Amino acid sequence: AVCAALTAVPARAEHRCADPATQEAFLVAALQSNLQVLGVACSDMGRYSQFVDRYRADLVQHGNVMTAWFKKRYGGRANVEAERYSTEMVNAVSTGNNTFGGDLCPRNTALFTEALLLRNGRDLPAFAAAKDVVPASIEVCPGERPVAAPQKAPAKK
């Protein structure tokens, strides 16, 4: 509940990337953006650095997946579009966090703690999905036709 405050703007849960690995990469990027904004806003860049250091290999891997997606989607404009997307993400996260005023840091520093307690970087996508870190104004896989979230199979009797 404490960490849910970071995501005052609900995510677009209905929009999913066609490729699950790309979906995970966009979620991890959103988590990283949330933590970066939180680190700056709460003067806690030390914990943000811990997060990056701890999960560097996984963050790079997810970043590579996003880079490939932007190159496939935008060709020669990939870098410009990726930078625009990143800027929009940070701005959306910052705008959502502004609604908390002085309560932002006390309500959300647990997100760092929880992220740093994950068993390993493979847990980042599920953690990011559970924290609903994508602001409603941001699309994952922008411009890609949305794919419905997979439905859970009914329990066998």
C-alpha atoms as a PDB file:
ATOM      1  CA  ALA A   1       0.000   0.000   0.000  1.00  0.00           C
ATOM      2  CA  VAL A   2       2.852   2.367   0.837  1.00  0.00           C
ATOM      3  CA  CYS A   3       4.427   1.907  -2.601  1.00  0.00           C
ATOM      4  CA  ALA A   4       1.187   2.178  -4.478  1.00  0.00           C
ATOM      5  CA  ALA A   5       1.261   5.913  -3.888  1.00  0.00           C
ATOM      6  CA  LEU A   6       4.031   6.316  -6.435  1.00  0.00           C
ATOM      7  CA  THR A   7       1.566   5.391  -9.123  1.00  0.00           C
ATOM      8  CA  ALA A   8      -1.289   7.771  -8.439  1.00  0.00           C
ATOM      9  CA  VAL A   9      -1.974   7.815 -12.155  1.00  0.00           C
ATOM     10  CA  PRO A  10      -3.353   4.378 -13.067  1.00  0.00           C
ATOM     11  CA  ALA A  11      -1.574   2.373 -15.701  1.00  0.00           C
ATOM     12  CA  ARG A  12      -3.003   1.323 -19.024  1.00  0.00           C
ATOM     13  CA  ALA A  13      -3.415  -2.262 -17.955  1.00  0.00           C
ATOM     14  CA  GLU A  14      -5.250  -3.118 -21.168  1.00  0.00           C
ATOM     15  CA  HIS A  15      -2.291  -2.255 -23.401  1.00  0.00           C
ATOM     16  CA  ARG A  16       0.312  -4.940 -23.805  1.00  0.00           C
ATOM     17  CA  CYS A  17       3.129  -5.358 -26.290  1.00  0.00           C
ATOM     18  CA  ALA A  18       2.832  -8.147 -28.828  1.00  0.00           C
ATOM     19  CA  ASP A  19       6.091  -9.671 -27.565  1.00  0.00           C
ATOM     20  CA  PRO A  20       6.265 -10.600 -23.843  1.00  0.00           C
ATOM     21  CA  ALA A  21       9.996  -9.762 -23.618  1.00  0.00           C
ATOM     22  CA  THR A  22       9.278  -6.297 -24.981  1.00  0.00           C
ATOM     23  CA  GLN A  23       6.424  -5.866 -22.511  1.00  0.00           C
ATOM     24  CA  GLU A  24       8.806  -6.744 -19.690  1.00  0.00           C
ATOM     25  CA  ALA A  25      11.424  -4.309 -21.001  1.00  0.00           C
ATOM     26  CA  PHE A  26       8.935  -1.426 -21.057  1.00  0.00           C
ATOM     27  CA  LEU A  27       7.758  -2.275 -17.524  1.00  0.00           C
ATOM     28  CA  VAL A  28      11.319  -2.390 -16.189  1.00  0.00           C
ATOM     29  CA  ALA A  29      12.073   0.926 -17.906  1.00  0.00           C
ATOM     30  CA  ALA A  30       9.000   2.440 -16.216  1.00  0.00           C
ATOM     31  CA  LEU A  31      10.139   1.098 -12.845  1.00  0.00           C
ATOM     32  CA  GLN A  32      13.587   2.557 -13.373  1.00  0.00           C
ATOM     33  CA  SER A  33      12.071   5.923 -14.331  1.00  0.00           C
ATOM     34  CA  ASN A  34       9.919   5.892 -11.194  1.00  0.00           C
ATOM     35  CA  LEU A  35      12.929   5.145  -9.014  1.00  0.00           C
ATOM     36  CA  GLN A  36      15.042   7.779 -10.760  1.00  0.00           C
ATOM     37  CA  VAL A  37      12.390  10.460 -10.242  1.00  0.00           C
ATOM     38  CA  LEU A  38      11.931   9.348  -6.648  1.00  0.00           C
ATOM     39  CA  GLY A  39      15.709   9.449  -6.105  1.00  0.00           C
ATOM     40  CA  VAL A  40      15.914  13.016  -7.375  1.00  0.00           C
ATOM     41  CA  ALA A  41      12.745  14.270  -5.677  1.00  0.00           C
ATOM     42  CA  CYS A  42      13.673  12.718  -2.329  1.00  0.00           C
ATOM     43  CA  SER A  43      17.425  13.420  -2.507  1.00  0.00           C
ATOM     44  CA  ASP A  44      18.010   9.667  -2.438  1.00  0.00           C
ATOM     45  CA  MET A  45      20.205   9.085  -5.481  1.00  0.00           C
ATOM     46  CA  GLY A  46      22.346   6.756  -3.371  1.00  0.00           C
ATOM     47  CA  ARG A  47      19.590   4.157  -3.297  1.00  0.00           C
ATOM     48  CA  TYR A  48      18.878   4.722  -6.971  1.00  0.00           C
ATOM     49  CA  SER A  49      22.557   4.015  -7.646  1.00  0.00           C
ATOM     50  CA  GLN A  50      22.297   0.860  -5.519  1.00  0.00           C
ATOM     51  CA  PHE A  51      19.342  -0.257  -7.642  1.00  0.00           C
ATOM     52  CA  VAL A  52      21.232   0.355 -10.888  1.00  0.00           C
ATOM     53  CA  ASP A  53      24.397  -1.318  -9.589  1.00  0.00           C
ATOM     54  CA  ARG A  54      22.529  -4.351  -8.273  1.00  0.00           C
ATOM     55  CA  TYR A  55      20.522  -4.959 -11.440  1.00  0.00           C
ATOM     56  CA  ARG A  56      22.871  -3.473 -14.048  1.00  0.00           C
ATOM     57  CA  ALA A  57      23.048  -6.599 -16.232  1.00  0.00           C
ATOM     58  CA  ASP A  58      19.256  -6.987 -16.259  1.00  0.00           C
ATOM     59  CA  LEU A  59      18.680  -3.279 -16.893  1.00  0.00           C
ATOM     60  CA  VAL A  60      21.107  -3.405 -19.826  1.00  0.00           C
ATOM     61  CA  GLN A  61      19.388  -6.518 -21.196  1.00  0.00           C
ATOM     62  CA  HIS A  62      15.947  -4.878 -21.001  1.00  0.00           C
ATOM     63  CA  GLY A  63      17.394  -1.697 -22.466  1.00  0.00           C
ATOM     64  CA  ASN A  64      18.735  -3.683 -25.416  1.00  0.00           C
ATOM     65  CA  VAL A  65      15.285  -5.176 -26.011  1.00  0.00           C
ATOM     66  CA  MET A  66      13.766  -1.688 -26.035  1.00  0.00           C
ATOM     67  CA  THR A  67      16.499  -0.397 -28.358  1.00  0.00           C
ATOM     68  CA  ALA A  68      15.788  -3.241 -30.790  1.00  0.00           C
ATOM     69  CA  TRP A  69      12.060  -2.523 -30.603  1.00  0.00           C
ATOM     70  CA  PHE A  70      12.564   1.191 -31.352  1.00  0.00           C
ATOM     71  CA  LYS A  71      14.931   0.355 -34.240  1.00  0.00           C
ATOM     72  CA  LYS A  72      12.432  -2.077 -35.742  1.00  0.00           C
ATOM     73  CA  ARG A  73       9.526   0.333 -35.289  1.00  0.00           C
ATOM     74  CA  TYR A  74      11.205   3.630 -36.228  1.00  0.00           C
ATOM     75  CA  GLY A  75      14.317   2.747 -38.232  1.00  0.00           C
ATOM     76  CA  GLY A  76      16.615   5.765 -38.519  1.00  0.00           C
ATOM     77  CA  ARG A  77      14.464   7.755 -36.073  1.00  0.00           C
ATOM     78  CA  ALA A  78      14.864   5.131 -33.341  1.00  0.00           C
ATOM     79  CA  ASN A  79      17.173   7.147 -31.098  1.00  0.00           C
ATOM     80  CA  VAL A  80      15.036  10.290 -31.349  1.00  0.00           C
ATOM     81  CA  GLU A  81      11.837   8.342 -30.637  1.00  0.00           C
ATOM     82  CA  ALA A  82      13.406   6.401 -27.752  1.00  0.00           C
ATOM     83  CA  GLU A  83      14.649   9.637 -26.173  1.00  0.00           C
ATOM     84  CA  ARG A  84      11.235  11.239 -26.638  1.00  0.00           C
ATOM     85  CA  TYR A  85       9.579   8.220 -25.012  1.00  0.00           C
ATOM     86  CA  SER A  86      12.001   8.299 -22.079  1.00  0.00           C
ATOM     87  CA  THR A  87      11.429  12.021 -21.565  1.00  0.00           C
ATOM     88  CA  GLU A  88       7.649  11.599 -21.696  1.00  0.00           C
ATOM     89  CA  MET A  89       7.875   8.771 -19.165  1.00  0.00           C
ATOM     90  CA  VAL A  90       9.932  10.800 -16.683  1.00  0.00           C
ATOM     91  CA  ASN A  91       7.674  13.832 -17.145  1.00  0.00           C
ATOM     92  CA  ALA A  92       4.537  11.738 -16.607  1.00  0.00           C
ATOM     93  CA  VAL A  93       5.986  10.126 -13.485  1.00  0.00           C
ATOM     94  CA  SER A  94       7.075  13.538 -12.156  1.00  0.00           C
ATOM     95  CA  THR A  95       3.667  15.062 -12.851  1.00  0.00           C
ATOM     96  CA  GLY A  96       1.908  12.207 -11.083  1.00  0.00           C
ATOM     97  CA  ASN A  97       4.231  12.533  -8.112  1.00  0.00           C
ATOM     98  CA  ASN A  98       3.543  16.259  -7.806  1.00  0.00           C
ATOM     99  CA  THR A  99       0.098  15.421  -6.447  1.00  0.00           C
ATOM    100  CA  PHE A 100       1.707  14.123  -3.249  1.00  0.00           C
ATOM    101  CA  GLY A 101       3.594  17.306  -2.347  1.00  0.00           C
ATOM    102  CA  GLY A 102       5.523  16.844   0.896  1.00  0.00           C
ATOM    103  CA  ASP A 103       4.061  13.375   1.392  1.00  0.00           C
ATOM    104  CA  LEU A 104       5.794  11.902  -1.681  1.00  0.00           C
ATOM    105  CA  CYS A 105       9.000  10.721  -0.039  1.00  0.00           C
ATOM    106  CA  PRO A 106       7.559   9.249   3.160  1.00  0.00           C
ATOM    107  CA  ARG A 107       4.913   7.404   1.160  1.00  0.00           C
ATOM    108  CA  ASN A 108       7.201   6.000  -1.497  1.00  0.00           C
ATOM    109  CA  THR A 109      10.692   5.266  -0.244  1.00  0.00           C
ATOM    110  CA  ALA A 110       9.586   1.702   0.490  1.00  0.00           C
ATOM    111  CA  LEU A 111       9.623   1.146  -3.276  1.00  0.00           C
ATOM    112  CA  PHE A 112      13.412   1.336  -3.161  1.00  0.00           C
ATOM    113  CA  THR A 113      13.554  -1.059  -0.241  1.00  0.00           C
ATOM    114  CA  GLU A 114      11.290  -3.580  -1.930  1.00  0.00           C
ATOM    115  CA  ALA A 115      13.133  -3.335  -5.251  1.00  0.00           C
ATOM    116  CA  LEU A 116      16.480  -3.885  -3.559  1.00  0.00           C
ATOM    117  CA  LEU A 117      15.137  -6.947  -1.730  1.00  0.00           C
ATOM    118  CA  LEU A 118      14.181  -8.866  -4.870  1.00  0.00           C
ATOM    119  CA  ARG A 119      15.931 -12.229  -5.192  1.00  0.00           C
ATOM    120  CA  ASN A 120      17.468 -11.231  -8.513  1.00  0.00           C
ATOM    121  CA  GLY A 121      16.946  -9.106 -11.611  1.00  0.00           C
ATOM    122  CA  ARG A 122      14.701 -11.715 -13.210  1.00  0.00           C
ATOM    123  CA  ASP A 123      12.074 -10.618 -10.681  1.00  0.00           C
ATOM    124  CA  LEU A 124      12.069  -7.010 -11.940  1.00  0.00           C
ATOM    125  CA  PRO A 125       9.322  -7.372 -14.603  1.00  0.00           C
ATOM    126  CA  ALA A 126       6.838  -9.032 -12.233  1.00  0.00           C
ATOM    127  CA  PHE A 127       7.670  -6.513  -9.508  1.00  0.00           C
ATOM    128  CA  ALA A 128       7.162  -3.610 -11.934  1.00  0.00           C
ATOM    129  CA  ALA A 129       3.845  -5.071 -13.105  1.00  0.00           C
ATOM    130  CA  ALA A 130       2.656  -5.506  -9.521  1.00  0.00           C
ATOM    131  CA  LYS A 131       3.549  -1.894  -8.707  1.00  0.00           C
ATOM    132  CA  ASP A 132       1.645  -0.589 -11.738  1.00  0.00           C
ATOM    133  CA  VAL A 133       4.448   1.838 -12.627  1.00  0.00           C
ATOM    134  CA  VAL A 134       3.339   2.931 -16.105  1.00  0.00           C
ATOM    135  CA  PRO A 135       1.434   6.246 -15.967  1.00  0.00           C
ATOM    136  CA  ALA A 136      -1.913   6.285 -17.779  1.00  0.00           C
ATOM    137  CA  SER A 137      -0.659   8.897 -20.227  1.00  0.00           C
ATOM    138  CA  ILE A 138       2.124   6.577 -21.439  1.00  0.00           C
ATOM    139  CA  GLU A 139       1.721   3.643 -23.805  1.00  0.00           C
ATOM    140  CA  VAL A 140       3.936   0.616 -23.663  1.00  0.00           C
ATOM    141  CA  CYS A 141       5.101  -0.196 -27.194  1.00  0.00           C
ATOM    142  CA  PRO A 142       3.705   3.137 -28.456  1.00  0.00           C
ATOM    143  CA  GLY A 143       1.925   2.902 -31.761  1.00  0.00           C
ATOM    144  CA  GLU A 144       1.828  -0.880 -31.677  1.00  0.00           C
ATOM    145  CA  ARG A 145      -1.598  -2.449 -31.847  1.00  0.00           C
ATOM    146  CA  PRO A 146      -2.581  -3.329 -28.259  1.00  0.00           C
ATOM    147  CA  VAL A 147      -2.684  -6.983 -27.301  1.00  0.00           C
ATOM    148  CA  ALA A 148      -5.051  -8.212 -24.618  1.00  0.00           C
ATOM    149  CA  ALA A 149      -3.501  -9.439 -21.410  1.00  0.00           C
ATOM    150  CA  PRO A 150      -3.330 -13.234 -21.264  1.00  0.00           C
ATOM    151  CA  GLN A 151      -6.288 -14.802 -19.494  1.00  0.00           C
ATOM    152  CA  LYS A 152      -5.669 -17.242 -16.691  1.00  0.00           C
ATOM    153  CA  ALA A 153      -6.995 -20.712 -17.328  1.00  0.00           C
ATOM    154  CA  PRO A 154      -9.845 -21.707 -15.038  1.00  0.00           C
ATOM    155  CA  ALA A 155      -8.841 -23.995 -12.207  1.00  0.00           C
ATOM    156  CA  LYS A 156      -9.498 -27.679 -12.900  1.00  0.00           C
ATOM    157  CA  LYS A 157     -11.927 -29.369 -10.613  1.00  0.00           C
END
